[in-house]
Amino acid sequence: MIKDEAFILKENIQNFLKSANIIYNSGDFTSATILYFKCLFAVLDLIILKNQGKVPKDHSERFKILEKNYPSFYELLDKLYSLYRDTYSLKINKENCLRVRLNVERIIKEQKIFEDY
């Protein structure tokens, strides 16, 4: 079961990242930001799944697990999350989108997300 969930999360990460990069390159930074956040959430959920044996059911549970067990990821998500909320009502600029993108790419690399894919 965990292996299946991990496979799906990795597939989602790959698809979200690919789509986000395409949309980023088209200049739609708000939509790209949404997809980079979806990618980030999937990456964090995969980390939680691998270490805790379950995927958080929502943002609230994800935040609680991160705060308790992964303070550096919690701090990062806490800093960036207002940008995610802004995507509902504001236009996101390239600089803020890039900030999310670079953090997602860094975590994927540091956590070696695709090395056993």
PDB file of N, CA and C in Angstrom:
ATOM      1  N   MET A   1       0.833  -1.204   0.000  1.00  0.00           N
ATOM      2  CA  MET A   1       0.000   0.000   0.000  1.00  0.00           C
ATOM      3  C   MET A   1       0.869   1.256   0.000  1.00  0.00           C
ATOM      4  N   ILE A   2       1.846   1.320   0.897  1.00  0.00           N
ATOM      5  CA  ILE A   2       2.731   2.485   0.969  1.00  0.00           C
ATOM      6  C   ILE A   2       3.508   2.630  -0.334  1.00  0.00           C
ATOM      7  N   LYS A   3       3.942   1.513  -0.910  1.00  0.00           N
ATOM      8  CA  LYS A   3       4.681   1.554  -2.170  1.00  0.00           C
ATOM      9  C   LYS A   3       3.822   2.143  -3.285  1.00  0.00           C
ATOM     10  N   ASP A   4       2.547   1.749  -3.325  1.00  0.00           N
ATOM     11  CA  ASP A   4       1.617   2.273  -4.332  1.00  0.00           C
ATOM     12  C   ASP A   4       1.411   3.769  -4.145  1.00  0.00           C
ATOM     13  N   GLU A   5       1.204   4.189  -2.911  1.00  0.00           N
ATOM     14  CA  GLU A   5       1.020   5.616  -2.621  1.00  0.00           C
ATOM     15  C   GLU A   5       2.274   6.406  -2.974  1.00  0.00           C
ATOM     16  N   ALA A   6       3.433   5.858  -2.672  1.00  0.00           N
ATOM     17  CA  ALA A   6       4.694   6.526  -2.991  1.00  0.00           C
ATOM     18  C   ALA A   6       4.851   6.666  -4.501  1.00  0.00           C
ATOM     19  N   PHE A   7       4.500   5.622  -5.234  1.00  0.00           N
ATOM     20  CA  PHE A   7       4.599   5.670  -6.693  1.00  0.00           C
ATOM     21  C   PHE A   7       3.687   6.758  -7.253  1.00  0.00           C
ATOM     22  N   ILE A   8       2.471   6.819  -6.765  1.00  0.00           N
ATOM     23  CA  ILE A   8       1.509   7.829  -7.225  1.00  0.00           C
ATOM     24  C   ILE A   8       2.005   9.228  -6.887  1.00  0.00           C
ATOM     25  N   LEU A   9       2.516   9.418  -5.686  1.00  0.00           N
ATOM     26  CA  LEU A   9       3.035  10.728  -5.298  1.00  0.00           C
ATOM     27  C   LEU A   9       4.204  11.140  -6.197  1.00  0.00           C
ATOM     28  N   LYS A  10       5.107  10.212  -6.463  1.00  0.00           N
ATOM     29  CA  LYS A  10       6.247  10.530  -7.337  1.00  0.00           C
ATOM     30  C   LYS A  10       5.782  10.872  -8.749  1.00  0.00           C
ATOM     31  N   GLU A  11       4.808  10.143  -9.219  1.00  0.00           N
ATOM     32  CA  GLU A  11       4.248  10.425 -10.542  1.00  0.00           C
ATOM     33  C   GLU A  11       3.600  11.820 -10.552  1.00  0.00           C
ATOM     34  N   ASN A  12       2.862  12.136  -9.501  1.00  0.00           N
ATOM     35  CA  ASN A  12       2.248  13.459  -9.385  1.00  0.00           C
ATOM     36  C   ASN A  12       3.310  14.557  -9.331  1.00  0.00           C
ATOM     37  N   ILE A  13       4.351  14.325  -8.566  1.00  0.00           N
ATOM     38  CA  ILE A  13       5.443  15.304  -8.457  1.00  0.00           C
ATOM     39  C   ILE A  13       6.022  15.576  -9.833  1.00  0.00           C
ATOM     40  N   GLN A  14       6.308  14.507 -10.543  1.00  0.00           N
ATOM     41  CA  GLN A  14       6.894  14.634 -11.877  1.00  0.00           C
ATOM     42  C   GLN A  14       5.954  15.405 -12.815  1.00  0.00           C
ATOM     43  N   ASN A  15       4.673  15.075 -12.792  1.00  0.00           N
ATOM     44  CA  ASN A  15       3.703  15.734 -13.667  1.00  0.00           C
ATOM     45  C   ASN A  15       3.472  17.194 -13.282  1.00  0.00           C
ATOM     46  N   PHE A  16       3.329  17.452 -11.979  1.00  0.00           N
ATOM     47  CA  PHE A  16       3.142  18.840 -11.530  1.00  0.00           C
ATOM     48  C   PHE A  16       4.336  19.699 -11.923  1.00  0.00           C
ATOM     49  N   LEU A  17       5.537  19.171 -11.716  1.00  0.00           N
ATOM     50  CA  LEU A  17       6.749  19.931 -12.018  1.00  0.00           C
ATOM     51  C   LEU A  17       6.867  20.195 -13.519  1.00  0.00           C
ATOM     52  N   LYS A  18       6.622  19.189 -14.312  1.00  0.00           N
ATOM     53  CA  LYS A  18       6.682  19.352 -15.770  1.00  0.00           C
ATOM     54  C   LYS A  18       5.672  20.405 -16.228  1.00  0.00           C
ATOM     55  N   SER A  19       4.447  20.299 -15.762  1.00  0.00           N
ATOM     56  CA  SER A  19       3.407  21.250 -16.154  1.00  0.00           C
ATOM     57  C   SER A  19       3.718  22.653 -15.642  1.00  0.00           C
ATOM     58  N   ALA A  20       4.187  22.751 -14.410  1.00  0.00           N
ATOM     59  CA  ALA A  20       4.528  24.053 -13.842  1.00  0.00           C
ATOM     60  C   ALA A  20       5.611  24.738 -14.663  1.00  0.00           C
ATOM     61  N   ASN A  21       6.612  23.977 -15.078  1.00  0.00           N
ATOM     62  CA  ASN A  21       7.697  24.555 -15.866  1.00  0.00           C
ATOM     63  C   ASN A  21       7.204  25.051 -17.226  1.00  0.00           C
ATOM     64  N   ILE A  22       6.318  24.297 -17.851  1.00  0.00           N
ATOM     65  CA  ILE A  22       5.748  24.722 -19.134  1.00  0.00           C
ATOM     66  C   ILE A  22       4.972  26.024 -18.953  1.00  0.00           C
ATOM     67  N   ILE A  23       4.142  26.075 -17.936  1.00  0.00           N
ATOM     68  CA  ILE A  23       3.318  27.265 -17.700  1.00  0.00           C
ATOM     69  C   ILE A  23       4.183  28.443 -17.269  1.00  0.00           C
ATOM     70  N   TYR A  24       5.210  28.175 -16.463  1.00  0.00           N
ATOM     71  CA  TYR A  24       6.152  29.229 -16.065  1.00  0.00           C
ATOM     72  C   TYR A  24       6.777  29.854 -17.317  1.00  0.00           C
ATOM     73  N   ASN A  25       7.230  29.004 -18.224  1.00  0.00           N
ATOM     74  CA  ASN A  25       7.870  29.492 -19.449  1.00  0.00           C
ATOM     75  C   ASN A  25       6.911  30.251 -20.362  1.00  0.00           C
ATOM     76  N   SER A  26       5.604  30.034 -20.177  1.00  0.00           N
ATOM     77  CA  SER A  26       4.616  30.766 -20.970  1.00  0.00           C
ATOM     78  C   SER A  26       4.324  32.149 -20.364  1.00  0.00           C
ATOM     79  N   GLY A  27       4.808  32.372 -19.134  1.00  0.00           N
ATOM     80  CA  GLY A  27       4.612  33.668 -18.488  1.00  0.00           C
ATOM     81  C   GLY A  27       3.414  33.754 -17.563  1.00  0.00           C
ATOM     82  N   ASP A  28       2.696  32.643 -17.354  1.00  0.00           N
ATOM     83  CA  ASP A  28       1.555  32.629 -16.427  1.00  0.00           C
ATOM     84  C   ASP A  28       2.068  32.200 -15.055  1.00  0.00           C
ATOM     85  N   PHE A  29       2.566  33.170 -14.307  1.00  0.00           N
ATOM     86  CA  PHE A  29       3.243  32.870 -13.045  1.00  0.00           C
ATOM     87  C   PHE A  29       2.272  32.480 -11.930  1.00  0.00           C
ATOM     88  N   THR A  30       1.035  32.948 -12.001  1.00  0.00           N
ATOM     89  CA  THR A  30       0.052  32.557 -10.985  1.00  0.00           C
ATOM     90  C   THR A  30      -0.264  31.067 -11.101  1.00  0.00           C
ATOM     91  N   SER A  31      -0.577  30.622 -12.314  1.00  0.00           N
ATOM     92  CA  SER A  31      -0.888  29.191 -12.511  1.00  0.00           C
ATOM     93  C   SER A  31       0.333  28.321 -12.239  1.00  0.00           C
ATOM     94  N   ALA A  32       1.500  28.788 -12.649  1.00  0.00           N
ATOM     95  CA  ALA A  32       2.722  28.028 -12.380  1.00  0.00           C
ATOM     96  C   ALA A  32       2.950  27.904 -10.881  1.00  0.00           C
ATOM     97  N   THR A  33       2.699  28.983 -10.144  1.00  0.00           N
ATOM     98  CA  THR A  33       2.878  28.950  -8.686  1.00  0.00           C
ATOM     99  C   THR A  33       1.962  27.910  -8.053  1.00  0.00           C
ATOM    100  N   ILE A  34       0.721  27.851  -8.510  1.00  0.00           N
ATOM    101  CA  ILE A  34      -0.221  26.856  -7.988  1.00  0.00           C
ATOM    102  C   ILE A  34       0.339  25.448  -8.205  1.00  0.00           C
ATOM    103  N   LEU A  35       0.843  25.193  -9.398  1.00  0.00           N
ATOM    104  CA  LEU A  35       1.385  23.862  -9.691  1.00  0.00           C
ATOM    105  C   LEU A  35       2.673  23.580  -8.922  1.00  0.00           C
ATOM    106  N   TYR A  36       3.522  24.587  -8.745  1.00  0.00           N
ATOM    107  CA  TYR A  36       4.722  24.372  -7.926  1.00  0.00           C
ATOM    108  C   TYR A  36       4.321  24.042  -6.490  1.00  0.00           C
ATOM    109  N   PHE A  37       3.277  24.691  -5.984  1.00  0.00           N
ATOM    110  CA  PHE A  37       2.812  24.352  -4.632  1.00  0.00           C
ATOM    111  C   PHE A  37       2.241  22.944  -4.593  1.00  0.00           C
ATOM    112  N   LYS A  38       1.482  22.547  -5.583  1.00  0.00           N
ATOM    113  CA  LYS A  38       0.968  21.171  -5.612  1.00  0.00           C
ATOM    114  C   LYS A  38       2.131  20.184  -5.602  1.00  0.00           C
ATOM    115  N   CYS A  39       3.170  20.521  -6.326  1.00  0.00           N
ATOM    116  CA  CYS A  39       4.378  19.697  -6.343  1.00  0.00           C
ATOM    117  C   CYS A  39       5.010  19.667  -4.952  1.00  0.00           C
ATOM    118  N   LEU A  40       5.132  20.834  -4.337  1.00  0.00           N
ATOM    119  CA  LEU A  40       5.711  20.911  -2.990  1.00  0.00           C
ATOM    120  C   LEU A  40       4.905  20.086  -2.001  1.00  0.00           C
ATOM    121  N   PHE A  41       3.584  20.205  -2.045  1.00  0.00           N
ATOM    122  CA  PHE A  41       2.747  19.428  -1.131  1.00  0.00           C
ATOM    123  C   PHE A  41       2.961  17.931  -1.351  1.00  0.00           C
ATOM    124  N   ALA A  42       3.050  17.512  -2.601  1.00  0.00           N
ATOM    125  CA  ALA A  42       3.264  16.090  -2.898  1.00  0.00           C
ATOM    126  C   ALA A  42       4.638  15.622  -2.415  1.00  0.00           C
ATOM    127  N   VAL A  43       5.650  16.472  -2.575  1.00  0.00           N
ATOM    128  CA  VAL A  43       6.993  16.126  -2.080  1.00  0.00           C
ATOM    129  C   VAL A  43       6.966  15.964  -0.566  1.00  0.00           C
ATOM    130  N   LEU A  44       6.357  16.911   0.118  1.00  0.00           N
ATOM    131  CA  LEU A  44       6.287  16.832   1.584  1.00  0.00           C
ATOM    132  C   LEU A  44       5.472  15.618   2.019  1.00  0.00           C
ATOM    133  N   ASP A  45       4.395  15.339   1.314  1.00  0.00           N
ATOM    134  CA  ASP A  45       3.588  14.161   1.639  1.00  0.00           C
ATOM    135  C   ASP A  45       4.377  12.873   1.429  1.00  0.00           C
ATOM    136  N   LEU A  46       5.207  12.835   0.401  1.00  0.00           N
ATOM    137  CA  LEU A  46       6.041  11.656   0.162  1.00  0.00           C
ATOM    138  C   LEU A  46       7.052  11.476   1.294  1.00  0.00           C
ATOM    139  N   ILE A  47       7.651  12.556   1.734  1.00  0.00           N
ATOM    140  CA  ILE A  47       8.597  12.497   2.862  1.00  0.00           C
ATOM    141  C   ILE A  47       7.880  11.981   4.107  1.00  0.00           C
ATOM    142  N   ILE A  48       6.699  12.508   4.357  1.00  0.00           N
ATOM    143  CA  ILE A  48       5.910  12.069   5.516  1.00  0.00           C
ATOM    144  C   ILE A  48       5.530  10.600   5.366  1.00  0.00           C
ATOM    145  N   LEU A  49       5.083  10.198   4.185  1.00  0.00           N
ATOM    146  CA  LEU A  49       4.710   8.804   3.947  1.00  0.00           C
ATOM    147  C   LEU A  49       5.880   7.869   4.221  1.00  0.00           C
ATOM    148  N   LYS A  50       7.049   8.218   3.706  1.00  0.00           N
ATOM    149  CA  LYS A  50       8.220   7.353   3.886  1.00  0.00           C
ATOM    150  C   LYS A  50       8.625   7.218   5.347  1.00  0.00           C
ATOM    151  N   ASN A  51       8.420   8.269   6.127  1.00  0.00           N
ATOM    152  CA  ASN A  51       8.870   8.249   7.518  1.00  0.00           C
ATOM    153  C   ASN A  51       7.775   7.972   8.537  1.00  0.00           C
ATOM    154  N   GLN A  52       6.538   8.290   8.190  1.00  0.00           N
ATOM    155  CA  GLN A  52       5.437   8.130   9.143  1.00  0.00           C
ATOM    156  C   GLN A  52       4.457   7.023   8.730  1.00  0.00           C
ATOM    157  N   GLY A  53       4.553   6.594   7.470  1.00  0.00           N
ATOM    158  CA  GLY A  53       3.685   5.521   7.009  1.00  0.00           C
ATOM    159  C   GLY A  53       2.292   5.944   6.591  1.00  0.00           C
ATOM    160  N   LYS A  54       2.067   7.257   6.459  1.00  0.00           N
ATOM    161  CA  LYS A  54       0.747   7.732   6.026  1.00  0.00           C
ATOM    162  C   LYS A  54       0.890   9.080   5.335  1.00  0.00           C
ATOM    163  N   VAL A  55      -0.128   9.393   4.534  1.00  0.00           N
ATOM    164  CA  VAL A  55      -0.181  10.668   3.833  1.00  0.00           C
ATOM    165  C   VAL A  55      -1.167  11.567   4.587  1.00  0.00           C
ATOM    166  N   PRO A  56      -0.794  12.812   4.844  1.00  0.00           N
ATOM    167  CA  PRO A  56      -1.737  13.725   5.509  1.00  0.00           C
ATOM    168  C   PRO A  56      -3.020  13.885   4.695  1.00  0.00           C
ATOM    169  N   LYS A  57      -4.142  14.039   5.392  1.00  0.00           N
ATOM    170  CA  LYS A  57      -5.425  14.122   4.689  1.00  0.00           C
ATOM    171  C   LYS A  57      -5.733  15.520   4.167  1.00  0.00           C
ATOM    172  N   ASP A  58      -5.052  16.541   4.727  1.00  0.00           N
ATOM    173  CA  ASP A  58      -5.303  17.911   4.284  1.00  0.00           C
ATOM    174  C   ASP A  58      -4.143  18.820   4.701  1.00  0.00           C
ATOM    175  N   HIS A  59      -4.263  20.091   4.337  1.00  0.00           N
ATOM    176  CA  HIS A  59      -3.192  21.044   4.655  1.00  0.00           C
ATOM    177  C   HIS A  59      -2.964  21.161   6.159  1.00  0.00           C
ATOM    178  N   SER A  60      -4.041  21.168   6.903  1.00  0.00           N
ATOM    179  CA  SER A  60      -3.934  21.321   8.359  1.00  0.00           C
ATOM    180  C   SER A  60      -3.127  20.184   8.982  1.00  0.00           C
ATOM    181  N   GLU A  61      -3.448  18.960   8.598  1.00  0.00           N
ATOM    182  CA  GLU A  61      -2.716  17.809   9.128  1.00  0.00           C
ATOM    183  C   GLU A  61      -1.254  17.847   8.676  1.00  0.00           C
ATOM    184  N   ARG A  62      -1.015  18.238   7.424  1.00  0.00           N
ATOM    185  CA  ARG A  62       0.355  18.342   6.908  1.00  0.00           C
ATOM    186  C   ARG A  62       1.161  19.328   7.769  1.00  0.00           C
ATOM    187  N   PHE A  63       0.580  20.492   8.033  1.00  0.00           N
ATOM    188  CA  PHE A  63       1.268  21.495   8.847  1.00  0.00           C
ATOM    189  C   PHE A  63       1.593  20.958  10.238  1.00  0.00           C
ATOM    190  N   LYS A  64       0.655  20.267  10.854  1.00  0.00           N
ATOM    191  CA  LYS A  64       0.872  19.720  12.205  1.00  0.00           C
ATOM    192  C   LYS A  64       2.006  18.701  12.208  1.00  0.00           C
ATOM    193  N   ILE A  65       1.993  17.803  11.232  1.00  0.00           N
ATOM    194  CA  ILE A  65       3.047  16.780  11.154  1.00  0.00           C
ATOM    195  C   ILE A  65       4.403  17.429  10.902  1.00  0.00           C
ATOM    196  N   LEU A  66       4.433  18.386   9.990  1.00  0.00           N
ATOM    197  CA  LEU A  66       5.703  19.073   9.688  1.00  0.00           C
ATOM    198  C   LEU A  66       6.223  19.837  10.900  1.00  0.00           C
ATOM    199  N   GLU A  67       5.330  20.527  11.575  1.00  0.00           N
ATOM    200  CA  GLU A  67       5.752  21.312  12.745  1.00  0.00           C
ATOM    201  C   GLU A  67       6.368  20.420  13.818  1.00  0.00           C
ATOM    202  N   LYS A  68       5.761  19.259  14.028  1.00  0.00           N
ATOM    203  CA  LYS A  68       6.230  18.349  15.073  1.00  0.00           C
ATOM    204  C   LYS A  68       7.490  17.583  14.669  1.00  0.00           C
ATOM    205  N   ASN A  69       7.544  17.116  13.407  1.00  0.00           N
ATOM    206  CA  ASN A  69       8.592  16.177  13.006  1.00  0.00           C
ATOM    207  C   ASN A  69       9.627  16.707  12.020  1.00  0.00           C
ATOM    208  N   TYR A  70       9.291  17.776  11.319  1.00  0.00           N
ATOM    209  CA  TYR A  70      10.172  18.306  10.270  1.00  0.00           C
ATOM    210  C   TYR A  70      10.198  19.830  10.339  1.00  0.00           C
ATOM    211  N   PRO A  71      10.788  20.379  11.388  1.00  0.00           N
ATOM    212  CA  PRO A  71      10.700  21.828  11.608  1.00  0.00           C
ATOM    213  C   PRO A  71      11.247  22.674  10.461  1.00  0.00           C
ATOM    214  N   SER A  72      12.271  22.216   9.769  1.00  0.00           N
ATOM    215  CA  SER A  72      12.805  23.032   8.672  1.00  0.00           C
ATOM    216  C   SER A  72      11.808  23.099   7.505  1.00  0.00           C
ATOM    217  N   PHE A  73      11.131  21.993   7.218  1.00  0.00           N
ATOM    218  CA  PHE A  73      10.110  22.005   6.175  1.00  0.00           C
ATOM    219  C   PHE A  73       8.896  22.822   6.615  1.00  0.00           C
ATOM    220  N   TYR A  74       8.558  22.713   7.887  1.00  0.00           N
ATOM    221  CA  TYR A  74       7.450  23.509   8.420  1.00  0.00           C
ATOM    222  C   TYR A  74       7.747  25.000   8.274  1.00  0.00           C
ATOM    223  N   GLU A  75       8.938  25.393   8.647  1.00  0.00           N
ATOM    224  CA  GLU A  75       9.320  26.803   8.571  1.00  0.00           C
ATOM    225  C   GLU A  75       9.249  27.309   7.128  1.00  0.00           C
ATOM    226  N   LEU A  76       9.758  26.526   6.189  1.00  0.00           N
ATOM    227  CA  LEU A  76       9.715  26.906   4.786  1.00  0.00           C
ATOM    228  C   LEU A  76       8.268  27.047   4.306  1.00  0.00           C
ATOM    229  N   LEU A  77       7.452  26.038   4.574  1.00  0.00           N
ATOM    230  CA  LEU A  77       6.070  26.072   4.122  1.00  0.00           C
ATOM    231  C   LEU A  77       5.311  27.218   4.777  1.00  0.00           C
ATOM    232  N   ASP A  78       5.588  27.458   6.038  1.00  0.00           N
ATOM    233  CA  ASP A  78       4.944  28.556   6.751  1.00  0.00           C
ATOM    234  C   ASP A  78       5.271  29.907   6.098  1.00  0.00           C
ATOM    235  N   LYS A  79       6.519  30.070   5.680  1.00  0.00           N
ATOM    236  CA  LYS A  79       6.943  31.313   5.018  1.00  0.00           C
ATOM    237  C   LYS A  79       6.297  31.480   3.648  1.00  0.00           C
ATOM    238  N   LEU A  80       6.150  30.386   2.909  1.00  0.00           N
ATOM    239  CA  LEU A  80       5.669  30.452   1.533  1.00  0.00           C
ATOM    240  C   LEU A  80       4.145  30.370   1.402  1.00  0.00           C
ATOM    241  N   TYR A  81       3.465  29.853   2.400  1.00  0.00           N
ATOM    242  CA  TYR A  81       2.059  29.510   2.260  1.00  0.00           C
ATOM    243  C   TYR A  81       1.165  30.707   1.922  1.00  0.00           C
ATOM    244  N   SER A  82       1.526  31.881   2.385  1.00  0.00           N
ATOM    245  CA  SER A  82       0.704  33.060   2.063  1.00  0.00           C
ATOM    246  C   SER A  82       0.687  33.297   0.550  1.00  0.00           C
ATOM    247  N   LEU A  83       1.775  32.953  -0.132  1.00  0.00           N
ATOM    248  CA  LEU A  83       1.798  33.054  -1.599  1.00  0.00           C
ATOM    249  C   LEU A  83       0.764  32.120  -2.226  1.00  0.00           C
ATOM    250  N   TYR A  84       0.650  30.923  -1.680  1.00  0.00           N
ATOM    251  CA  TYR A  84      -0.337  29.974  -2.184  1.00  0.00           C
ATOM    252  C   TYR A  84      -1.746  30.540  -2.011  1.00  0.00           C
ATOM    253  N   ARG A  85      -2.025  31.097  -0.842  1.00  0.00           N
ATOM    254  CA  ARG A  85      -3.341  31.708  -0.610  1.00  0.00           C
ATOM    255  C   ARG A  85      -3.570  32.881  -1.557  1.00  0.00           C
ATOM    256  N   ASP A  86      -2.525  33.628  -1.846  1.00  0.00           N
ATOM    257  CA  ASP A  86      -2.637  34.775  -2.760  1.00  0.00           C
ATOM    258  C   ASP A  86      -3.037  34.361  -4.173  1.00  0.00           C
ATOM    259  N   THR A  87      -2.727  33.120  -4.569  1.00  0.00           N
ATOM    260  CA  THR A  87      -3.043  32.695  -5.933  1.00  0.00           C
ATOM    261  C   THR A  87      -4.549  32.695  -6.191  1.00  0.00           C
ATOM    262  N   TYR A  88      -5.351  32.675  -5.137  1.00  0.00           N
ATOM    263  CA  TYR A  88      -6.798  32.673  -5.306  1.00  0.00           C
ATOM    264  C   TYR A  88      -7.342  34.028  -5.716  1.00  0.00           C
ATOM    265  N   SER A  89      -6.646  35.099  -5.356  1.00  0.00           N
ATOM    266  CA  SER A  89      -7.217  36.422  -5.602  1.00  0.00           C
ATOM    267  C   SER A  89      -6.247  37.441  -6.189  1.00  0.00           C
ATOM    268  N   LEU A  90      -4.974  37.112  -6.263  1.00  0.00           N
ATOM    269  CA  LEU A  90      -3.982  38.055  -6.766  1.00  0.00           C
ATOM    270  C   LEU A  90      -3.203  37.452  -7.927  1.00  0.00           C
ATOM    271  N   LYS A  91      -2.531  38.307  -8.641  1.00  0.00           N
ATOM    272  CA  LYS A  91      -1.629  37.875  -9.706  1.00  0.00           C
ATOM    273  C   LYS A  91      -0.242  37.718  -9.091  1.00  0.00           C
ATOM    274  N   ILE A  92       0.380  36.579  -9.306  1.00  0.00           N
ATOM    275  CA  ILE A  92       1.700  36.296  -8.735  1.00  0.00           C
ATOM    276  C   ILE A  92       2.764  36.724  -9.748  1.00  0.00           C
ATOM    277  N   ASN A  93       3.770  37.453  -9.263  1.00  0.00           N
ATOM    278  CA  ASN A  93       4.830  37.905 -10.168  1.00  0.00           C
ATOM    279  C   ASN A  93       5.896  36.827 -10.339  1.00  0.00           C
ATOM    280  N   LYS A  94       6.747  37.046 -11.317  1.00  0.00           N
ATOM    281  CA  LYS A  94       7.780  36.074 -11.673  1.00  0.00           C
ATOM    282  C   LYS A  94       8.724  35.803 -10.500  1.00  0.00           C
ATOM    283  N   GLU A  95       9.097  36.850  -9.778  1.00  0.00           N
ATOM    284  CA  GLU A  95      10.039  36.708  -8.658  1.00  0.00           C
ATOM    285  C   GLU A  95       9.493  35.764  -7.578  1.00  0.00           C
ATOM    286  N   ASN A  96       8.223  35.940  -7.207  1.00  0.00           N
ATOM    287  CA  ASN A  96       7.638  35.080  -6.174  1.00  0.00           C
ATOM    288  C   ASN A  96       7.436  33.655  -6.675  1.00  0.00           C
ATOM    289  N   CYS A  97       7.050  33.525  -7.922  1.00  0.00           N
ATOM    290  CA  CYS A  97       6.911  32.189  -8.511  1.00  0.00           C
ATOM    291  C   CYS A  97       8.258  31.474  -8.516  1.00  0.00           C
ATOM    292  N   LEU A  98       9.294  32.191  -8.909  1.00  0.00           N
ATOM    293  CA  LEU A  98      10.635  31.611  -8.955  1.00  0.00           C
ATOM    294  C   LEU A  98      11.102  31.179  -7.564  1.00  0.00           C
ATOM    295  N   ARG A  99      10.731  31.949  -6.550  1.00  0.00           N
ATOM    296  CA  ARG A  99      11.101  31.599  -5.171  1.00  0.00           C
ATOM    297  C   ARG A  99      10.516  30.236  -4.796  1.00  0.00           C
ATOM    298  N   VAL A 100       9.259  30.006  -5.144  1.00  0.00           N
ATOM    299  CA  VAL A 100       8.625  28.718  -4.853  1.00  0.00           C
ATOM    300  C   VAL A 100       9.305  27.625  -5.687  1.00  0.00           C
ATOM    301  N   ARG A 101       9.496  27.890  -6.968  1.00  0.00           N
ATOM    302  CA  ARG A 101      10.106  26.913  -7.876  1.00  0.00           C
ATOM    303  C   ARG A 101      11.475  26.452  -7.379  1.00  0.00           C
ATOM    304  N   LEU A 102      12.314  27.393  -7.008  1.00  0.00           N
ATOM    305  CA  LEU A 102      13.672  27.047  -6.568  1.00  0.00           C
ATOM    306  C   LEU A 102      13.657  26.222  -5.287  1.00  0.00           C
ATOM    307  N   ASN A 103      12.753  26.525  -4.387  1.00  0.00           N
ATOM    308  CA  ASN A 103      12.639  25.728  -3.160  1.00  0.00           C
ATOM    309  C   ASN A 103      12.163  24.317  -3.459  1.00  0.00           C
ATOM    310  N   VAL A 104      11.208  24.192  -4.362  1.00  0.00           N
ATOM    311  CA  VAL A 104      10.720  22.860  -4.749  1.00  0.00           C
ATOM    312  C   VAL A 104      11.854  22.050  -5.377  1.00  0.00           C
ATOM    313  N   GLU A 105      12.563  22.654  -6.299  1.00  0.00           N
ATOM    314  CA  GLU A 105      13.664  21.948  -6.970  1.00  0.00           C
ATOM    315  C   GLU A 105      14.765  21.560  -5.981  1.00  0.00           C
ATOM    316  N   ARG A 106      15.045  22.438  -5.039  1.00  0.00           N
ATOM    317  CA  ARG A 106      16.078  22.151  -4.030  1.00  0.00           C
ATOM    318  C   ARG A 106      15.678  20.954  -3.172  1.00  0.00           C
ATOM    319  N   ILE A 107      14.441  20.938  -2.708  1.00  0.00           N
ATOM    320  CA  ILE A 107      13.985  19.842  -1.843  1.00  0.00           C
ATOM    321  C   ILE A 107      13.964  18.525  -2.621  1.00  0.00           C
ATOM    322  N   ILE A 108      13.509  18.558  -3.857  1.00  0.00           N
ATOM    323  CA  ILE A 108      13.501  17.347  -4.681  1.00  0.00           C
ATOM    324  C   ILE A 108      14.922  16.800  -4.801  1.00  0.00           C
ATOM    325  N   LYS A 109      15.873  17.684  -5.044  1.00  0.00           N
ATOM    326  CA  LYS A 109      17.272  17.266  -5.187  1.00  0.00           C
ATOM    327  C   LYS A 109      17.829  16.761  -3.849  1.00  0.00           C
ATOM    328  N   GLU A 110      17.634  17.522  -2.785  1.00  0.00           N
ATOM    329  CA  GLU A 110      18.172  17.136  -1.470  1.00  0.00           C
ATOM    330  C   GLU A 110      17.588  15.817  -0.975  1.00  0.00           C
ATOM    331  N   GLN A 111      16.312  15.616  -1.224  1.00  0.00           N
ATOM    332  CA  GLN A 111      15.632  14.403  -0.751  1.00  0.00           C
ATOM    333  C   GLN A 111      15.760  13.232  -1.733  1.00  0.00           C
ATOM    334  N   LYS A 112      16.416  13.488  -2.858  1.00  0.00           N
ATOM    335  CA  LYS A 112      16.658  12.445  -3.867  1.00  0.00           C
ATOM    336  C   LYS A 112      15.343  11.750  -4.259  1.00  0.00           C
ATOM    337  N   ILE A 113      14.342  12.580  -4.527  1.00  0.00           N
ATOM    338  CA  ILE A 113      12.991  12.087  -4.791  1.00  0.00           C
ATOM    339  C   ILE A 113      12.935  11.124  -5.970  1.00  0.00           C
ATOM    340  N   PHE A 114      13.694  11.395  -7.036  1.00  0.00           N
ATOM    341  CA  PHE A 114      13.588  10.564  -8.227  1.00  0.00           C
ATOM    342  C   PHE A 114      14.699   9.538  -8.374  1.00  0.00           C
ATOM    343  N   GLU A 115      15.557   9.440  -7.400  1.00  0.00           N
ATOM    344  CA  GLU A 115      16.687   8.497  -7.524  1.00  0.00           C
ATOM    345  C   GLU A 115      16.264   7.046  -7.497  1.00  0.00           C
ATOM    346  N   ASP A 116      15.170   6.729  -6.831  1.00  0.00           N
ATOM    347  CA  ASP A 116      14.714   5.332  -6.807  1.00  0.00           C
ATOM    348  C   ASP A 116      13.416   5.166  -7.580  1.00  0.00           C
ATOM    349  N   TYR A 117      13.153   6.076  -8.493  1.00  0.00           N
ATOM    350  CA  TYR A 117      11.916   6.080  -9.271  1.00  0.00           C
ATOM    351  C   TYR A 117      12.040   5.189 -10.480  1.00  0.00           C
TER     352      TYR A 117
END
